[in-house]
Amino acid sequence: MPISKFAFVRFTVLLMLVGLVALLAIVGTTIWMIADAETNFQNLTDARLRRSALIDFRIMLDDPEVGQRGYLLTGNPDYLQPYLDVRDAIPSRVERLRSLFHSDADQRADIDRLAVATSDKLVELKETIDLLDSGRRDDALAVVKSNRGKELADQARQNFSRLLSSVDQLVVK
């Protein structure tokens, strides 16, 4: 039985509509995938910035302790330069971390704890330096031997670990 002209036109229009729906679905899916890829890229970039700032800050905090030890052992003030550099740089670095981690309350709390531990560590370093400067080397060494500075550094490391873990979790999601 032959197909009528009307049936042929209806069938052609139906196939064109199916093709149009398929094309719209492909375009819509592509737009969604591009938006999702852009979001994922931005999240990855943010996580890498946070991780980099944390690691830079962590590395920076090793220098003043090394300088303190060198100064306490030798009395040579040249060893104090790393301490002086870091002491002056800490506030801006902490603010940078706060700005990078502003969106998460737990991370902000870890940054605050990190800032306190860092500040307390710098106070401990200054105390030993001041004691040595005033000729009280044994008192300065007693402060070091009390392990208060080690405990503060350990607290800072724990906060670094938590923050790095939270950043790494963002990348995994």
N, C-alpha and C. Protein backbone atom coordinates (compact mmCIF):
# COMPACT_ATOMS: atom_id res chain seq x y z
N MET A 1 0.83 -1.16 0.00
CA MET A 1 0.00 0.00 0.00
C MET A 1 0.89 1.23 0.00
N PRO A 2 0.62 2.11 -0.90
CA PRO A 2 1.45 3.30 -1.03
C PRO A 2 1.21 4.29 0.11
N ILE A 3 2.25 5.02 0.45
CA ILE A 3 2.17 6.04 1.51
C ILE A 3 1.60 7.31 0.88
N SER A 4 0.66 7.88 1.61
CA SER A 4 0.06 9.11 1.09
C SER A 4 1.00 10.28 1.33
N LYS A 5 0.78 11.32 0.56
CA LYS A 5 1.61 12.52 0.68
C LYS A 5 1.50 13.11 2.08
N PHE A 6 0.32 13.12 2.65
CA PHE A 6 0.10 13.66 3.98
C PHE A 6 0.84 12.84 5.02
N ALA A 7 0.82 11.54 4.93
CA ALA A 7 1.52 10.65 5.87
C ALA A 7 3.03 10.85 5.75
N PHE A 8 3.49 11.03 4.53
CA PHE A 8 4.92 11.26 4.30
C PHE A 8 5.37 12.56 4.96
N VAL A 9 4.59 13.62 4.80
CA VAL A 9 4.91 14.93 5.41
C VAL A 9 4.89 14.81 6.92
N ARG A 10 3.87 14.12 7.48
CA ARG A 10 3.79 13.93 8.93
C ARG A 10 5.00 13.16 9.45
N PHE A 11 5.37 12.13 8.76
CA PHE A 11 6.52 11.30 9.17
C PHE A 11 7.81 12.11 9.08
N THR A 12 7.97 12.91 8.05
CA THR A 12 9.16 13.77 7.89
C THR A 12 9.23 14.81 9.00
N VAL A 13 8.10 15.45 9.30
CA VAL A 13 8.06 16.45 10.38
C VAL A 13 8.37 15.79 11.71
N LEU A 14 7.83 14.61 11.95
CA LEU A 14 8.10 13.88 13.20
C LEU A 14 9.59 13.57 13.32
N LEU A 15 10.21 13.10 12.25
CA LEU A 15 11.65 12.81 12.30
C LEU A 15 12.47 14.07 12.51
N MET A 16 12.04 15.18 11.92
CA MET A 16 12.75 16.44 12.12
C MET A 16 12.62 16.90 13.58
N LEU A 17 11.44 16.72 14.17
CA LEU A 17 11.26 17.08 15.58
C LEU A 17 12.12 16.20 16.49
N VAL A 18 12.18 14.92 16.20
CA VAL A 18 13.03 14.01 16.98
C VAL A 18 14.50 14.45 16.85
N GLY A 19 14.92 14.80 15.65
CA GLY A 19 16.28 15.28 15.43
C GLY A 19 16.54 16.58 16.17
N LEU A 20 15.55 17.50 16.16
CA LEU A 20 15.70 18.77 16.87
C LEU A 20 15.80 18.54 18.37
N VAL A 21 14.98 17.65 18.91
CA VAL A 21 15.04 17.34 20.35
C VAL A 21 16.40 16.73 20.69
N ALA A 22 16.90 15.83 19.85
CA ALA A 22 18.21 15.23 20.09
C ALA A 22 19.30 16.30 20.04
N LEU A 23 19.22 17.20 19.07
CA LEU A 23 20.21 18.27 18.96
C LEU A 23 20.17 19.18 20.18
N LEU A 24 18.95 19.55 20.64
CA LEU A 24 18.83 20.38 21.83
C LEU A 24 19.37 19.66 23.06
N ALA A 25 19.15 18.37 23.15
CA ALA A 25 19.68 17.59 24.28
C ALA A 25 21.21 17.59 24.25
N ILE A 26 21.79 17.45 23.08
CA ILE A 26 23.25 17.45 22.94
C ILE A 26 23.81 18.83 23.31
N VAL A 27 23.19 19.88 22.81
CA VAL A 27 23.66 21.24 23.12
C VAL A 27 23.51 21.52 24.62
N GLY A 28 22.37 21.15 25.19
CA GLY A 28 22.14 21.37 26.62
C GLY A 28 23.15 20.61 27.48
N THR A 29 23.41 19.37 27.13
CA THR A 29 24.38 18.56 27.86
C THR A 29 25.78 19.16 27.74
N THR A 30 26.12 19.63 26.57
CA THR A 30 27.43 20.25 26.35
C THR A 30 27.58 21.50 27.21
N ILE A 31 26.56 22.34 27.23
CA ILE A 31 26.60 23.56 28.05
C ILE A 31 26.74 23.19 29.53
N TRP A 32 25.98 22.21 29.98
CA TRP A 32 26.07 21.77 31.38
C TRP A 32 27.47 21.24 31.69
N MET A 33 28.04 20.44 30.79
CA MET A 33 29.38 19.88 31.01
C MET A 33 30.44 20.98 31.06
N ILE A 34 30.31 21.98 30.22
CA ILE A 34 31.26 23.10 30.22
C ILE A 34 31.16 23.86 31.55
N ALA A 35 29.94 24.13 31.99
CA ALA A 35 29.76 24.84 33.27
C ALA A 35 30.31 24.01 34.42
N ASP A 36 30.08 22.71 34.41
CA ASP A 36 30.58 21.83 35.46
C ASP A 36 32.11 21.77 35.43
N ALA A 37 32.68 21.71 34.25
CA ALA A 37 34.15 21.69 34.13
C ALA A 37 34.74 23.00 34.64
N GLU A 38 34.07 24.11 34.34
CA GLU A 38 34.56 25.41 34.81
C GLU A 38 34.50 25.49 36.34
N THR A 39 33.42 25.00 36.93
CA THR A 39 33.30 24.97 38.39
C THR A 39 34.38 24.09 39.00
N ASN A 40 34.59 22.92 38.44
CA ASN A 40 35.63 22.02 38.94
C ASN A 40 37.01 22.64 38.81
N PHE A 41 37.26 23.31 37.71
CA PHE A 41 38.55 23.96 37.50
C PHE A 41 38.76 25.06 38.54
N GLN A 42 37.71 25.85 38.80
CA GLN A 42 37.82 26.92 39.80
C GLN A 42 38.06 26.35 41.19
N ASN A 43 37.36 25.27 41.53
CA ASN A 43 37.57 24.62 42.84
C ASN A 43 38.99 24.09 42.96
N LEU A 44 39.49 23.50 41.90
CA LEU A 44 40.86 22.98 41.91
C LEU A 44 41.87 24.12 42.04
N THR A 45 41.65 25.20 41.33
CA THR A 45 42.54 26.36 41.42
C THR A 45 42.53 26.94 42.83
N ASP A 46 41.35 27.08 43.42
CA ASP A 46 41.25 27.59 44.79
C ASP A 46 41.97 26.67 45.77
N ALA A 47 41.78 25.36 45.61
CA ALA A 47 42.42 24.40 46.50
C ALA A 47 43.94 24.47 46.36
N ARG A 48 44.43 24.60 45.16
CA ARG A 48 45.88 24.69 44.95
C ARG A 48 46.45 25.98 45.55
N LEU A 49 45.72 27.08 45.43
CA LEU A 49 46.15 28.34 46.05
C LEU A 49 46.22 28.20 47.57
N ARG A 50 45.19 27.58 48.15
CA ARG A 50 45.18 27.38 49.60
C ARG A 50 46.33 26.48 50.03
N ARG A 51 46.51 25.40 49.31
CA ARG A 51 47.57 24.45 49.66
C ARG A 51 48.94 25.13 49.54
N SER A 52 49.15 25.85 48.49
CA SER A 52 50.42 26.54 48.28
C SER A 52 50.68 27.56 49.39
N ALA A 53 49.66 28.34 49.76
CA ALA A 53 49.83 29.33 50.83
C ALA A 53 50.14 28.66 52.16
N LEU A 54 49.48 27.53 52.42
CA LEU A 54 49.75 26.79 53.66
C LEU A 54 51.18 26.27 53.70
N ILE A 55 51.60 25.67 52.62
CA ILE A 55 52.95 25.10 52.58
C ILE A 55 54.00 26.20 52.67
N ASP A 56 53.80 27.30 51.97
CA ASP A 56 54.73 28.43 52.08
C ASP A 56 54.82 28.93 53.51
N PHE A 57 53.67 29.05 54.16
CA PHE A 57 53.65 29.52 55.55
C PHE A 57 54.36 28.53 56.46
N ARG A 58 54.12 27.25 56.25
CA ARG A 58 54.75 26.20 57.06
C ARG A 58 56.27 26.23 56.91
N ILE A 59 56.74 26.36 55.69
CA ILE A 59 58.18 26.41 55.44
C ILE A 59 58.78 27.66 56.07
N MET A 60 58.06 28.77 55.94
CA MET A 60 58.54 30.03 56.48
C MET A 60 58.74 29.94 57.99
N LEU A 61 57.92 29.17 58.68
CA LEU A 61 57.99 29.09 60.15
C LEU A 61 59.19 28.29 60.64
N ASP A 62 59.82 27.53 59.78
CA ASP A 62 61.02 26.79 60.20
C ASP A 62 62.22 27.71 60.38
N ASP A 63 62.29 28.77 59.59
CA ASP A 63 63.46 29.65 59.59
C ASP A 63 63.76 30.32 60.93
N PRO A 64 62.75 30.87 61.62
CA PRO A 64 63.09 31.55 62.87
C PRO A 64 63.65 30.61 63.94
N GLU A 65 63.16 29.37 63.96
CA GLU A 65 63.69 28.41 64.94
C GLU A 65 65.15 28.08 64.65
N VAL A 66 65.47 27.94 63.39
CA VAL A 66 66.86 27.67 63.00
C VAL A 66 67.73 28.86 63.41
N GLY A 67 67.24 30.06 63.16
CA GLY A 67 67.98 31.25 63.55
C GLY A 67 68.16 31.35 65.05
N GLN A 68 67.10 31.03 65.78
CA GLN A 68 67.18 31.06 67.25
C GLN A 68 68.25 30.10 67.75
N ARG A 69 68.24 28.89 67.24
CA ARG A 69 69.23 27.89 67.68
C ARG A 69 70.65 28.37 67.38
N GLY A 70 70.84 28.88 66.16
CA GLY A 70 72.16 29.37 65.79
C GLY A 70 72.62 30.51 66.70
N TYR A 71 71.68 31.40 67.02
CA TYR A 71 72.02 32.54 67.88
C TYR A 71 72.33 32.06 69.30
N LEU A 72 71.51 31.14 69.81
CA LEU A 72 71.75 30.64 71.17
C LEU A 72 73.07 29.88 71.27
N LEU A 73 73.44 29.19 70.21
CA LEU A 73 74.69 28.42 70.22
C LEU A 73 75.92 29.30 70.05
N THR A 74 75.81 30.32 69.20
CA THR A 74 77.00 31.09 68.84
C THR A 74 77.01 32.51 69.40
N GLY A 75 75.84 33.05 69.69
CA GLY A 75 75.76 34.45 70.09
C GLY A 75 75.94 35.41 68.93
N ASN A 76 76.05 34.90 67.72
CA ASN A 76 76.25 35.71 66.52
C ASN A 76 74.89 36.27 66.06
N PRO A 77 74.72 37.59 66.07
CA PRO A 77 73.43 38.18 65.70
C PRO A 77 73.03 37.97 64.23
N ASP A 78 73.97 37.56 63.39
CA ASP A 78 73.62 37.27 61.99
C ASP A 78 72.57 36.17 61.90
N TYR A 79 72.57 35.28 62.89
CA TYR A 79 71.60 34.18 62.89
C TYR A 79 70.17 34.67 63.13
N LEU A 80 70.02 35.88 63.62
CA LEU A 80 68.69 36.40 63.95
C LEU A 80 67.91 36.90 62.74
N GLN A 81 68.57 37.09 61.62
CA GLN A 81 67.88 37.67 60.46
C GLN A 81 66.65 36.87 60.03
N PRO A 82 66.71 35.54 59.97
CA PRO A 82 65.48 34.81 59.60
C PRO A 82 64.34 35.05 60.59
N TYR A 83 64.67 35.12 61.86
CA TYR A 83 63.64 35.41 62.87
C TYR A 83 63.03 36.78 62.63
N LEU A 84 63.88 37.78 62.38
CA LEU A 84 63.39 39.14 62.16
C LEU A 84 62.52 39.23 60.91
N ASP A 85 62.95 38.55 59.85
CA ASP A 85 62.18 38.57 58.59
C ASP A 85 60.80 37.94 58.78
N VAL A 86 60.78 36.80 59.43
CA VAL A 86 59.52 36.08 59.61
C VAL A 86 58.61 36.83 60.58
N ARG A 87 59.19 37.35 61.65
CA ARG A 87 58.40 38.09 62.64
C ARG A 87 57.61 39.21 61.97
N ASP A 88 58.24 39.89 61.04
CA ASP A 88 57.58 41.00 60.37
C ASP A 88 56.59 40.54 59.29
N ALA A 89 56.78 39.34 58.76
CA ALA A 89 55.94 38.85 57.67
C ALA A 89 54.70 38.09 58.15
N ILE A 90 54.73 37.61 59.38
CA ILE A 90 53.64 36.75 59.89
C ILE A 90 52.26 37.40 59.76
N PRO A 91 52.05 38.63 60.21
CA PRO A 91 50.68 39.17 60.16
C PRO A 91 50.08 39.17 58.75
N SER A 92 50.85 39.55 57.75
CA SER A 92 50.29 39.58 56.39
C SER A 92 50.03 38.16 55.88
N ARG A 93 50.88 37.22 56.26
CA ARG A 93 50.67 35.83 55.83
C ARG A 93 49.42 35.23 56.47
N VAL A 94 49.21 35.53 57.74
CA VAL A 94 48.01 35.03 58.42
C VAL A 94 46.77 35.63 57.77
N GLU A 95 46.81 36.90 57.45
CA GLU A 95 45.67 37.54 56.79
C GLU A 95 45.40 36.92 55.42
N ARG A 96 46.46 36.59 54.71
CA ARG A 96 46.29 35.92 53.42
C ARG A 96 45.59 34.58 53.60
N LEU A 97 46.02 33.82 54.60
CA LEU A 97 45.37 32.54 54.86
C LEU A 97 43.90 32.75 55.24
N ARG A 98 43.64 33.74 56.06
CA ARG A 98 42.25 34.01 56.44
C ARG A 98 41.40 34.36 55.21
N SER A 99 41.96 35.12 54.30
CA SER A 99 41.18 35.48 53.10
C SER A 99 40.96 34.26 52.20
N LEU A 100 41.93 33.37 52.14
CA LEU A 100 41.78 32.18 51.30
C LEU A 100 40.80 31.16 51.90
N PHE A 101 40.70 31.14 53.22
CA PHE A 101 39.87 30.15 53.91
C PHE A 101 38.61 30.78 54.52
N HIS A 102 38.16 31.89 53.96
CA HIS A 102 37.05 32.64 54.56
C HIS A 102 35.71 31.91 54.51
N SER A 103 35.55 30.96 53.61
CA SER A 103 34.22 30.39 53.38
C SER A 103 33.87 29.20 54.27
N ASP A 104 34.80 28.68 55.04
CA ASP A 104 34.54 27.49 55.85
C ASP A 104 34.84 27.78 57.32
N ALA A 105 33.84 27.61 58.18
CA ALA A 105 33.99 27.94 59.61
C ALA A 105 35.05 27.07 60.28
N ASP A 106 35.08 25.77 59.97
CA ASP A 106 36.08 24.88 60.59
C ASP A 106 37.49 25.29 60.18
N GLN A 107 37.66 25.60 58.92
CA GLN A 107 38.98 26.02 58.45
C GLN A 107 39.38 27.36 59.05
N ARG A 108 38.43 28.27 59.19
CA ARG A 108 38.73 29.56 59.83
C ARG A 108 39.17 29.35 61.27
N ALA A 109 38.53 28.41 61.95
CA ALA A 109 38.91 28.11 63.34
C ALA A 109 40.33 27.55 63.39
N ASP A 110 40.67 26.68 62.43
CA ASP A 110 42.03 26.14 62.37
C ASP A 110 43.04 27.25 62.07
N ILE A 111 42.68 28.17 61.20
CA ILE A 111 43.57 29.31 60.90
C ILE A 111 43.77 30.14 62.17
N ASP A 112 42.69 30.37 62.91
CA ASP A 112 42.81 31.14 64.15
C ASP A 112 43.72 30.43 65.16
N ARG A 113 43.55 29.12 65.30
CA ARG A 113 44.42 28.36 66.21
C ARG A 113 45.86 28.38 65.72
N LEU A 114 46.04 28.30 64.42
CA LEU A 114 47.38 28.37 63.84
C LEU A 114 48.01 29.73 64.12
N ALA A 115 47.23 30.78 63.99
CA ALA A 115 47.74 32.14 64.24
C ALA A 115 48.15 32.29 65.70
N VAL A 116 47.36 31.74 66.62
CA VAL A 116 47.70 31.83 68.04
C VAL A 116 48.97 31.04 68.34
N ALA A 117 49.06 29.81 67.83
CA ALA A 117 50.25 28.99 68.06
C ALA A 117 51.49 29.67 67.48
N THR A 118 51.35 30.24 66.31
CA THR A 118 52.47 30.93 65.66
C THR A 118 52.89 32.15 66.47
N SER A 119 51.92 32.92 66.90
CA SER A 119 52.21 34.11 67.70
C SER A 119 52.89 33.72 69.01
N ASP A 120 52.37 32.69 69.66
CA ASP A 120 52.97 32.23 70.93
C ASP A 120 54.39 31.71 70.70
N LYS A 121 54.60 31.04 69.59
CA LYS A 121 55.93 30.54 69.27
C LYS A 121 56.91 31.70 69.08
N LEU A 122 56.47 32.74 68.39
CA LEU A 122 57.33 33.91 68.20
C LEU A 122 57.64 34.60 69.53
N VAL A 123 56.67 34.61 70.44
CA VAL A 123 56.91 35.17 71.78
C VAL A 123 57.97 34.35 72.49
N GLU A 124 57.87 33.03 72.39
CA GLU A 124 58.86 32.15 73.01
C GLU A 124 60.24 32.39 72.41
N LEU A 125 60.31 32.52 71.10
CA LEU A 125 61.60 32.79 70.45
C LEU A 125 62.17 34.13 70.93
N LYS A 126 61.33 35.15 70.99
CA LYS A 126 61.78 36.47 71.44
C LYS A 126 62.28 36.40 72.88
N GLU A 127 61.58 35.64 73.71
CA GLU A 127 61.98 35.51 75.11
C GLU A 127 63.40 34.95 75.23
N THR A 128 63.68 33.90 74.47
CA THR A 128 65.03 33.30 74.55
C THR A 128 66.08 34.25 74.01
N ILE A 129 65.75 34.97 72.96
CA ILE A 129 66.70 35.93 72.38
C ILE A 129 66.97 37.06 73.36
N ASP A 130 65.89 37.58 73.97
CA ASP A 130 66.05 38.66 74.95
C ASP A 130 66.87 38.19 76.16
N LEU A 131 66.63 36.96 76.59
CA LEU A 131 67.40 36.43 77.73
C LEU A 131 68.88 36.35 77.38
N LEU A 132 69.20 35.86 76.18
CA LEU A 132 70.60 35.77 75.78
C LEU A 132 71.21 37.17 75.65
N ASP A 133 70.44 38.10 75.10
CA ASP A 133 70.92 39.48 74.95
C ASP A 133 71.24 40.12 76.30
N SER A 134 70.50 39.72 77.34
CA SER A 134 70.74 40.29 78.66
C SER A 134 71.77 39.49 79.46
N GLY A 135 72.45 38.56 78.78
CA GLY A 135 73.51 37.80 79.43
C GLY A 135 73.03 36.61 80.23
N ARG A 136 71.80 36.19 80.03
CA ARG A 136 71.23 35.07 80.80
C ARG A 136 71.09 33.83 79.91
N ARG A 137 72.20 33.37 79.44
CA ARG A 137 72.24 32.22 78.51
C ARG A 137 71.59 30.98 79.12
N ASP A 138 71.90 30.69 80.38
CA ASP A 138 71.32 29.49 81.01
C ASP A 138 69.80 29.58 81.09
N ASP A 139 69.28 30.77 81.38
CA ASP A 139 67.83 30.95 81.43
C ASP A 139 67.21 30.76 80.03
N ALA A 140 67.90 31.26 79.01
CA ALA A 140 67.43 31.09 77.64
C ALA A 140 67.39 29.62 77.27
N LEU A 141 68.42 28.89 77.62
CA LEU A 141 68.45 27.45 77.34
C LEU A 141 67.40 26.71 78.15
N ALA A 142 67.12 27.17 79.36
CA ALA A 142 66.08 26.54 80.18
C ALA A 142 64.71 26.69 79.51
N VAL A 143 64.48 27.84 78.90
CA VAL A 143 63.21 28.03 78.18
C VAL A 143 63.12 27.03 77.02
N VAL A 144 64.21 26.87 76.30
CA VAL A 144 64.22 25.92 75.18
C VAL A 144 64.00 24.51 75.70
N LYS A 145 64.68 24.15 76.79
CA LYS A 145 64.57 22.80 77.35
C LYS A 145 63.20 22.51 77.97
N SER A 146 62.44 23.56 78.24
CA SER A 146 61.10 23.35 78.82
C SER A 146 60.14 22.70 77.81
N ASN A 147 60.51 22.70 76.55
CA ASN A 147 59.72 22.13 75.45
C ASN A 147 58.44 22.90 75.14
N ARG A 148 58.27 24.08 75.72
CA ARG A 148 57.11 24.90 75.40
C ARG A 148 57.10 25.26 73.92
N GLY A 149 58.25 25.62 73.39
CA GLY A 149 58.35 25.96 71.97
C GLY A 149 58.03 24.76 71.09
N LYS A 150 58.48 23.59 71.49
CA LYS A 150 58.19 22.37 70.73
C LYS A 150 56.70 22.08 70.73
N GLU A 151 56.07 22.25 71.89
CA GLU A 151 54.63 22.02 71.97
C GLU A 151 53.86 22.99 71.08
N LEU A 152 54.29 24.25 71.06
CA LEU A 152 53.64 25.23 70.19
C LEU A 152 53.84 24.88 68.72
N ALA A 153 55.04 24.45 68.38
CA ALA A 153 55.31 24.05 66.99
C ALA A 153 54.48 22.82 66.62
N ASP A 154 54.32 21.89 67.57
CA ASP A 154 53.50 20.70 67.32
C ASP A 154 52.04 21.09 67.10
N GLN A 155 51.55 22.05 67.89
CA GLN A 155 50.17 22.52 67.70
C GLN A 155 50.00 23.12 66.30
N ALA A 156 50.97 23.91 65.91
CA ALA A 156 50.90 24.52 64.57
C ALA A 156 50.91 23.44 63.50
N ARG A 157 51.76 22.42 63.66
CA ARG A 157 51.82 21.33 62.67
C ARG A 157 50.48 20.58 62.60
N GLN A 158 49.84 20.37 63.74
CA GLN A 158 48.53 19.70 63.74
C GLN A 158 47.50 20.53 62.96
N ASN A 159 47.52 21.85 63.17
CA ASN A 159 46.60 22.70 62.41
C ASN A 159 46.93 22.68 60.92
N PHE A 160 48.21 22.70 60.59
CA PHE A 160 48.59 22.59 59.18
C PHE A 160 48.06 21.29 58.59
N SER A 161 48.23 20.19 59.31
CA SER A 161 47.77 18.90 58.80
C SER A 161 46.27 18.89 58.57
N ARG A 162 45.51 19.41 59.53
CA ARG A 162 44.05 19.45 59.36
C ARG A 162 43.66 20.31 58.16
N LEU A 163 44.30 21.46 58.03
CA LEU A 163 43.98 22.35 56.92
C LEU A 163 44.36 21.73 55.58
N LEU A 164 45.52 21.10 55.51
CA LEU A 164 45.93 20.45 54.26
C LEU A 164 44.99 19.30 53.92
N SER A 165 44.56 18.54 54.93
CA SER A 165 43.61 17.45 54.67
C SER A 165 42.29 17.99 54.13
N SER A 166 41.82 19.09 54.71
CA SER A 166 40.55 19.65 54.24
C SER A 166 40.68 20.18 52.81
N VAL A 167 41.83 20.74 52.48
CA VAL A 167 42.05 21.23 51.11
C VAL A 167 42.13 20.05 50.16
N ASP A 168 42.82 18.99 50.56
CA ASP A 168 42.94 17.81 49.71
C ASP A 168 41.57 17.17 49.47
N GLN A 169 40.69 17.23 50.46
CA GLN A 169 39.34 16.69 50.29
C GLN A 169 38.56 17.46 49.24
N LEU A 170 38.82 18.75 49.13
CA LEU A 170 38.14 19.54 48.09
C LEU A 170 38.51 19.08 46.70
N VAL A 171 39.76 18.67 46.54
CA VAL A 171 40.24 18.22 45.24
C VAL A 171 39.65 16.86 44.89
N VAL A 172 39.47 16.01 45.88
CA VAL A 172 38.97 14.66 45.65
C VAL A 172 37.49 14.67 45.26
N LYS A 173 36.72 15.65 45.78
CA LYS A 173 35.27 15.69 45.51
C LYS A 173 34.95 15.85 44.06
